[in-house]
Amino acid sequence: MRLFFIRHGQAEHNRFLIINETDQRVSNLTSQGREEALDSAKEIKKEVDLDIIYCSPLTRCRQTAEIVKNEQADPKLKVKIDKRLAEFKTGFNNQFALIWLVRLFLSKNKLTKKFKGGQSIAESLKLVEDFWQEIHAEHLEQNVLIVAHLNTFQMFCHFLYDKQLKPPWRQQFFLNTGEFHEFKPKSRK
């Protein structure tokens, strides 16, 4: 399997460093975000013909996936929505991102810390692991693209590269909006 990941293009909430975990308040791609997605879509097309796209259910990811799909120009290419790829639930939806980061940084066990209405990093890692087990078996000889979020990308890096996810993980594993990455993991079953 060749596994690619693209972070959604810049969305409205990204410009203000706001956490947007649901489509309760929809965050569409900005014009810059559409350009970022198109630039990466062209690069991906040069690299590979995709067999399947998996996508977070949030609007900004679905918009990015459609841009990539259109660039692939394959009418049989499917975009599958998977809720396990949704934005990490911090418990601080529609709030300034640094509030969550500071609260998490001050907690003793960052991997299991869970704020009201949120999930722990360990729970998010489990979702990624379950997703990986499923797609790895199903798409062993195919080219797969995941369209999702920075935190989802970081969870994949942790899982697929056997990295210890510890603060400040944003510096360890980072993708700009609209940027893509090809995973080259060790054999992981």
C-alpha atoms as a PDB file:
ATOM      1  CA  MET A   1       0.000   0.000   0.000  1.00  0.00           C
ATOM      2  CA  ARG A   2       1.091   3.518  -0.731  1.00  0.00           C
ATOM      3  CA  LEU A   3      -0.474   5.754   1.886  1.00  0.00           C
ATOM      4  CA  PHE A   4      -0.722   9.505   1.429  1.00  0.00           C
ATOM      5  CA  PHE A   5      -2.108  12.072   3.844  1.00  0.00           C
ATOM      6  CA  ILE A   6      -3.198  15.621   3.063  1.00  0.00           C
ATOM      7  CA  ARG A   7      -4.149  18.148   5.689  1.00  0.00           C
ATOM      8  CA  HIS A   8      -7.211  20.109   4.583  1.00  0.00           C
ATOM      9  CA  GLY A   9      -6.543  23.472   2.990  1.00  0.00           C
ATOM     10  CA  GLN A  10      -6.709  26.612   5.094  1.00  0.00           C
ATOM     11  CA  ALA A  11     -10.194  27.057   6.517  1.00  0.00           C
ATOM     12  CA  GLU A  12     -11.853  30.066   8.092  1.00  0.00           C
ATOM     13  CA  HIS A  13     -11.117  28.941  11.669  1.00  0.00           C
ATOM     14  CA  ASN A  14      -7.391  28.400  10.951  1.00  0.00           C
ATOM     15  CA  ARG A  15      -6.840  32.106  10.369  1.00  0.00           C
ATOM     16  CA  PHE A  16      -7.847  32.835  13.963  1.00  0.00           C
ATOM     17  CA  LEU A  17      -6.312  29.765  15.704  1.00  0.00           C
ATOM     18  CA  ILE A  18      -9.751  28.552  16.740  1.00  0.00           C
ATOM     19  CA  ILE A  19     -10.437  24.872  17.453  1.00  0.00           C
ATOM     20  CA  ASN A  20     -13.234  23.640  15.186  1.00  0.00           C
ATOM     21  CA  GLU A  21     -14.137  20.014  15.958  1.00  0.00           C
ATOM     22  CA  THR A  22     -17.604  19.771  14.434  1.00  0.00           C
ATOM     23  CA  ASP A  23     -19.687  21.227  11.638  1.00  0.00           C
ATOM     24  CA  GLN A  24     -21.932  22.852  14.241  1.00  0.00           C
ATOM     25  CA  ARG A  25     -20.140  26.005  13.094  1.00  0.00           C
ATOM     26  CA  VAL A  26     -19.054  25.179   9.522  1.00  0.00           C
ATOM     27  CA  SER A  27     -15.535  26.246   8.579  1.00  0.00           C
ATOM     28  CA  ASN A  28     -15.191  26.374   4.787  1.00  0.00           C
ATOM     29  CA  LEU A  29     -11.949  26.542   2.852  1.00  0.00           C
ATOM     30  CA  THR A  30     -10.698  30.055   2.225  1.00  0.00           C
ATOM     31  CA  SER A  31      -9.522  31.049  -1.273  1.00  0.00           C
ATOM     32  CA  GLN A  32      -5.978  30.375  -0.029  1.00  0.00           C
ATOM     33  CA  GLY A  33      -7.139  26.959   1.224  1.00  0.00           C
ATOM     34  CA  ARG A  34      -8.609  26.070  -2.165  1.00  0.00           C
ATOM     35  CA  GLU A  35      -5.312  27.072  -3.836  1.00  0.00           C
ATOM     36  CA  GLU A  36      -3.299  24.996  -1.331  1.00  0.00           C
ATOM     37  CA  ALA A  37      -5.514  21.974  -1.932  1.00  0.00           C
ATOM     38  CA  LEU A  38      -5.268  22.361  -5.708  1.00  0.00           C
ATOM     39  CA  ASP A  39      -1.464  22.710  -5.596  1.00  0.00           C
ATOM     40  CA  SER A  40      -1.157  19.522  -3.542  1.00  0.00           C
ATOM     41  CA  ALA A  41      -3.735  17.747  -5.715  1.00  0.00           C
ATOM     42  CA  LYS A  42      -1.574  18.471  -8.778  1.00  0.00           C
ATOM     43  CA  GLU A  43       1.533  17.161  -7.000  1.00  0.00           C
ATOM     44  CA  ILE A  44      -0.301  14.015  -5.905  1.00  0.00           C
ATOM     45  CA  LYS A  45      -1.528  13.465  -9.483  1.00  0.00           C
ATOM     46  CA  LYS A  46       2.080  13.657 -10.748  1.00  0.00           C
ATOM     47  CA  GLU A  47       3.074  11.079  -8.142  1.00  0.00           C
ATOM     48  CA  VAL A  48       0.258   8.527  -8.251  1.00  0.00           C
ATOM     49  CA  ASP A  49      -3.178   7.564  -9.519  1.00  0.00           C
ATOM     50  CA  LEU A  50      -5.273   7.109  -6.403  1.00  0.00           C
ATOM     51  CA  ASP A  51      -7.519   4.096  -5.858  1.00  0.00           C
ATOM     52  CA  ILE A  52      -9.508   5.464  -2.906  1.00  0.00           C
ATOM     53  CA  ILE A  53      -9.791   8.611  -0.787  1.00  0.00           C
ATOM     54  CA  TYR A  54     -10.762   8.437   2.883  1.00  0.00           C
ATOM     55  CA  CYS A  55     -11.955  11.674   4.391  1.00  0.00           C
ATOM     56  CA  SER A  56     -12.935  13.281   7.677  1.00  0.00           C
ATOM     57  CA  PRO A  57     -16.634  14.195   7.757  1.00  0.00           C
ATOM     58  CA  LEU A  58     -15.907  17.895   8.369  1.00  0.00           C
ATOM     59  CA  THR A  59     -16.705  20.307   5.539  1.00  0.00           C
ATOM     60  CA  ARG A  60     -13.166  21.633   5.022  1.00  0.00           C
ATOM     61  CA  CYS A  61     -11.883  18.078   4.495  1.00  0.00           C
ATOM     62  CA  ARG A  62     -14.713  17.132   2.147  1.00  0.00           C
ATOM     63  CA  GLN A  63     -13.987  20.273   0.105  1.00  0.00           C
ATOM     64  CA  THR A  64     -10.280  19.369  -0.047  1.00  0.00           C
ATOM     65  CA  ALA A  65     -11.087  15.769  -1.036  1.00  0.00           C
ATOM     66  CA  GLU A  66     -13.312  16.965  -3.888  1.00  0.00           C
ATOM     67  CA  ILE A  67     -10.493  19.161  -5.223  1.00  0.00           C
ATOM     68  CA  VAL A  68      -8.105  16.183  -5.172  1.00  0.00           C
ATOM     69  CA  LYS A  69     -10.717  13.895  -6.739  1.00  0.00           C
ATOM     70  CA  ASN A  70     -11.400  16.378  -9.543  1.00  0.00           C
ATOM     71  CA  GLU A  71      -7.674  16.667 -10.270  1.00  0.00           C
ATOM     72  CA  GLN A  72      -7.368  12.858 -10.462  1.00  0.00           C
ATOM     73  CA  ALA A  73     -10.062  12.926 -13.184  1.00  0.00           C
ATOM     74  CA  ASP A  74     -11.116   9.330 -12.531  1.00  0.00           C
ATOM     75  CA  PRO A  75     -14.908   8.914 -12.478  1.00  0.00           C
ATOM     76  CA  LYS A  76     -14.521   5.636 -10.539  1.00  0.00           C
ATOM     77  CA  LEU A  77     -12.497   7.225  -7.722  1.00  0.00           C
ATOM     78  CA  LYS A  78     -14.561   7.159  -4.517  1.00  0.00           C
ATOM     79  CA  VAL A  79     -14.368   9.429  -1.483  1.00  0.00           C
ATOM     80  CA  LYS A  80     -15.326   7.521   1.665  1.00  0.00           C
ATOM     81  CA  ILE A  81     -16.223   9.528   4.753  1.00  0.00           C
ATOM     82  CA  ASP A  82     -14.959   8.011   8.004  1.00  0.00           C
ATOM     83  CA  LYS A  83     -15.788   9.601  11.359  1.00  0.00           C
ATOM     84  CA  ARG A  84     -12.611   8.145  12.909  1.00  0.00           C
ATOM     85  CA  LEU A  85     -10.716  10.756  10.881  1.00  0.00           C
ATOM     86  CA  ALA A  86     -12.652  13.676  12.390  1.00  0.00           C
ATOM     87  CA  GLU A  87     -10.868  16.443  14.262  1.00  0.00           C
ATOM     88  CA  PHE A  88      -9.559  15.443  17.679  1.00  0.00           C
ATOM     89  CA  LYS A  89     -12.164  16.259  20.342  1.00  0.00           C
ATOM     90  CA  THR A  90     -10.388  18.531  22.812  1.00  0.00           C
ATOM     91  CA  GLY A  91     -13.441  19.660  24.754  1.00  0.00           C
ATOM     92  CA  PHE A  92     -12.625  23.242  23.702  1.00  0.00           C
ATOM     93  CA  ASN A  93     -14.642  23.479  20.478  1.00  0.00           C
ATOM     94  CA  ASN A  94     -14.835  26.982  18.969  1.00  0.00           C
ATOM     95  CA  GLN A  95     -12.301  28.323  21.459  1.00  0.00           C
ATOM     96  CA  PHE A  96      -8.799  29.713  21.055  1.00  0.00           C
ATOM     97  CA  ALA A  97      -6.426  26.739  20.577  1.00  0.00           C
ATOM     98  CA  LEU A  98      -3.849  27.915  23.114  1.00  0.00           C
ATOM     99  CA  ILE A  99      -6.367  27.506  25.958  1.00  0.00           C
ATOM    100  CA  TRP A 100      -6.461  23.750  25.330  1.00  0.00           C
ATOM    101  CA  LEU A 101      -2.707  23.471  24.741  1.00  0.00           C
ATOM    102  CA  VAL A 102      -1.847  25.245  28.007  1.00  0.00           C
ATOM    103  CA  ARG A 103      -4.353  23.181  30.006  1.00  0.00           C
ATOM    104  CA  LEU A 104      -3.017  19.979  28.450  1.00  0.00           C
ATOM    105  CA  PHE A 105       0.609  21.006  29.022  1.00  0.00           C
ATOM    106  CA  LEU A 106      -0.110  21.629  32.719  1.00  0.00           C
ATOM    107  CA  SER A 107      -1.742  18.221  33.216  1.00  0.00           C
ATOM    108  CA  LYS A 108       0.268  15.306  34.636  1.00  0.00           C
ATOM    109  CA  ASN A 109      -0.594  12.575  32.166  1.00  0.00           C
ATOM    110  CA  LYS A 110      -1.006  14.195  28.795  1.00  0.00           C
ATOM    111  CA  LEU A 111      -1.871  10.998  26.901  1.00  0.00           C
ATOM    112  CA  THR A 112      -4.842  10.112  29.104  1.00  0.00           C
ATOM    113  CA  LYS A 113      -5.974  13.617  30.134  1.00  0.00           C
ATOM    114  CA  LYS A 114      -9.543  14.230  29.037  1.00  0.00           C
ATOM    115  CA  PHE A 115     -11.396  17.521  29.352  1.00  0.00           C
ATOM    116  CA  LYS A 116     -15.177  17.780  29.642  1.00  0.00           C
ATOM    117  CA  GLY A 117     -16.771  16.877  26.308  1.00  0.00           C
ATOM    118  CA  GLY A 118     -13.441  15.760  24.859  1.00  0.00           C
ATOM    119  CA  GLN A 119     -11.380  12.664  24.305  1.00  0.00           C
ATOM    120  CA  SER A 120      -7.889  11.746  25.419  1.00  0.00           C
ATOM    121  CA  ILE A 121      -4.942  11.473  23.071  1.00  0.00           C
ATOM    122  CA  ALA A 122      -4.885   7.738  23.875  1.00  0.00           C
ATOM    123  CA  GLU A 123      -8.512   7.431  22.680  1.00  0.00           C
ATOM    124  CA  SER A 124      -7.670   9.273  19.476  1.00  0.00           C
ATOM    125  CA  LEU A 125      -4.688   6.978  18.895  1.00  0.00           C
ATOM    126  CA  LYS A 126      -6.994   3.977  19.261  1.00  0.00           C
ATOM    127  CA  LEU A 127      -9.317   5.352  16.555  1.00  0.00           C
ATOM    128  CA  VAL A 128      -6.360   5.760  14.199  1.00  0.00           C
ATOM    129  CA  GLU A 129      -5.107   2.258  14.972  1.00  0.00           C
ATOM    130  CA  ASP A 130      -8.553   0.746  14.317  1.00  0.00           C
ATOM    131  CA  PHE A 131      -8.841   2.696  11.055  1.00  0.00           C
ATOM    132  CA  TRP A 132      -5.356   1.554   9.962  1.00  0.00           C
ATOM    133  CA  GLN A 133      -6.078  -2.109  10.696  1.00  0.00           C
ATOM    134  CA  GLU A 134      -9.194  -1.920   8.544  1.00  0.00           C
ATOM    135  CA  ILE A 135      -7.778  -0.086   5.523  1.00  0.00           C
ATOM    136  CA  HIS A 136      -4.449  -1.915   5.547  1.00  0.00           C
ATOM    137  CA  ALA A 137      -6.202  -5.255   5.118  1.00  0.00           C
ATOM    138  CA  GLU A 138      -8.643  -3.925   2.528  1.00  0.00           C
ATOM    139  CA  HIS A 139      -6.246  -1.890   0.337  1.00  0.00           C
ATOM    140  CA  LEU A 140      -2.957  -3.773   0.553  1.00  0.00           C
ATOM    141  CA  GLU A 141      -1.989  -3.234  -3.105  1.00  0.00           C
ATOM    142  CA  GLN A 142      -3.633   0.154  -3.643  1.00  0.00           C
ATOM    143  CA  ASN A 143      -2.846   3.861  -3.480  1.00  0.00           C
ATOM    144  CA  VAL A 144      -4.774   5.439  -0.618  1.00  0.00           C
ATOM    145  CA  LEU A 145      -5.193   9.092   0.344  1.00  0.00           C
ATOM    146  CA  ILE A 146      -6.430  10.288   3.721  1.00  0.00           C
ATOM    147  CA  VAL A 147      -7.823  13.824   3.930  1.00  0.00           C
ATOM    148  CA  ALA A 148      -8.011  14.973   7.526  1.00  0.00           C
ATOM    149  CA  HIS A 149      -6.576  17.239  10.217  1.00  0.00           C
ATOM    150  CA  LEU A 150      -3.214  18.081  11.769  1.00  0.00           C
ATOM    151  CA  ASN A 151      -3.960  16.171  14.976  1.00  0.00           C
ATOM    152  CA  THR A 152      -5.041  13.135  12.946  1.00  0.00           C
ATOM    153  CA  PHE A 153      -1.771  13.319  10.996  1.00  0.00           C
ATOM    154  CA  GLN A 154       0.150  13.465  14.268  1.00  0.00           C
ATOM    155  CA  MET A 155      -1.658  10.364  15.528  1.00  0.00           C
ATOM    156  CA  PHE A 156      -0.756   8.515  12.317  1.00  0.00           C
ATOM    157  CA  CYS A 157       2.896   9.545  12.707  1.00  0.00           C
ATOM    158  CA  HIS A 158       2.900   8.276  16.266  1.00  0.00           C
ATOM    159  CA  PHE A 159       1.331   4.969  15.307  1.00  0.00           C
ATOM    160  CA  LEU A 160       2.977   4.236  11.945  1.00  0.00           C
ATOM    161  CA  TYR A 161       6.463   5.470  12.792  1.00  0.00           C
ATOM    162  CA  ASP A 162       6.526   4.124  16.368  1.00  0.00           C
ATOM    163  CA  LYS A 163       7.305   7.593  17.668  1.00  0.00           C
ATOM    164  CA  GLN A 164       6.695   8.632  21.220  1.00  0.00           C
ATOM    165  CA  LEU A 165       4.069  11.336  21.095  1.00  0.00           C
ATOM    166  CA  LYS A 166       5.026  13.825  23.744  1.00  0.00           C
ATOM    167  CA  PRO A 167       4.687  17.572  23.932  1.00  0.00           C
ATOM    168  CA  PRO A 168       5.489  19.617  22.008  1.00  0.00           C
ATOM    169  CA  TRP A 169       4.287  17.176  19.336  1.00  0.00           C
ATOM    170  CA  ARG A 170       3.208  19.978  17.051  1.00  0.00           C
ATOM    171  CA  GLN A 171       6.895  20.580  16.298  1.00  0.00           C
ATOM    172  CA  GLN A 172       7.671  16.861  15.903  1.00  0.00           C
ATOM    173  CA  PHE A 173       5.053  16.135  13.252  1.00  0.00           C
ATOM    174  CA  PHE A 174       3.725  19.143  11.386  1.00  0.00           C
ATOM    175  CA  LEU A 175       1.922  19.719   8.097  1.00  0.00           C
ATOM    176  CA  ASN A 176       0.863  23.136   6.915  1.00  0.00           C
ATOM    177  CA  THR A 177      -2.698  23.481   5.678  1.00  0.00           C
ATOM    178  CA  GLY A 178      -3.040  21.873   2.263  1.00  0.00           C
ATOM    179  CA  GLU A 179       0.302  20.067   2.576  1.00  0.00           C
ATOM    180  CA  PHE A 180       0.604  16.337   1.882  1.00  0.00           C
ATOM    181  CA  HIS A 181       2.897  13.561   3.075  1.00  0.00           C
ATOM    182  CA  GLU A 182       3.538   9.996   1.955  1.00  0.00           C
ATOM    183  CA  PHE A 183       3.814   7.601   4.883  1.00  0.00           C
ATOM    184  CA  LYS A 184       6.565   5.042   4.588  1.00  0.00           C
ATOM    185  CA  PRO A 185       5.911   3.024   7.722  1.00  0.00           C
ATOM    186  CA  LYS A 186       7.613  -0.091   8.893  1.00  0.00           C
ATOM    187  CA  SER A 187       5.475  -3.145   8.224  1.00  0.00           C
ATOM    188  CA  ARG A 188       2.554  -2.654  10.588  1.00  0.00           C
ATOM    189  CA  LYS A 189      -0.154  -5.299  10.964  1.00  0.00           C
END
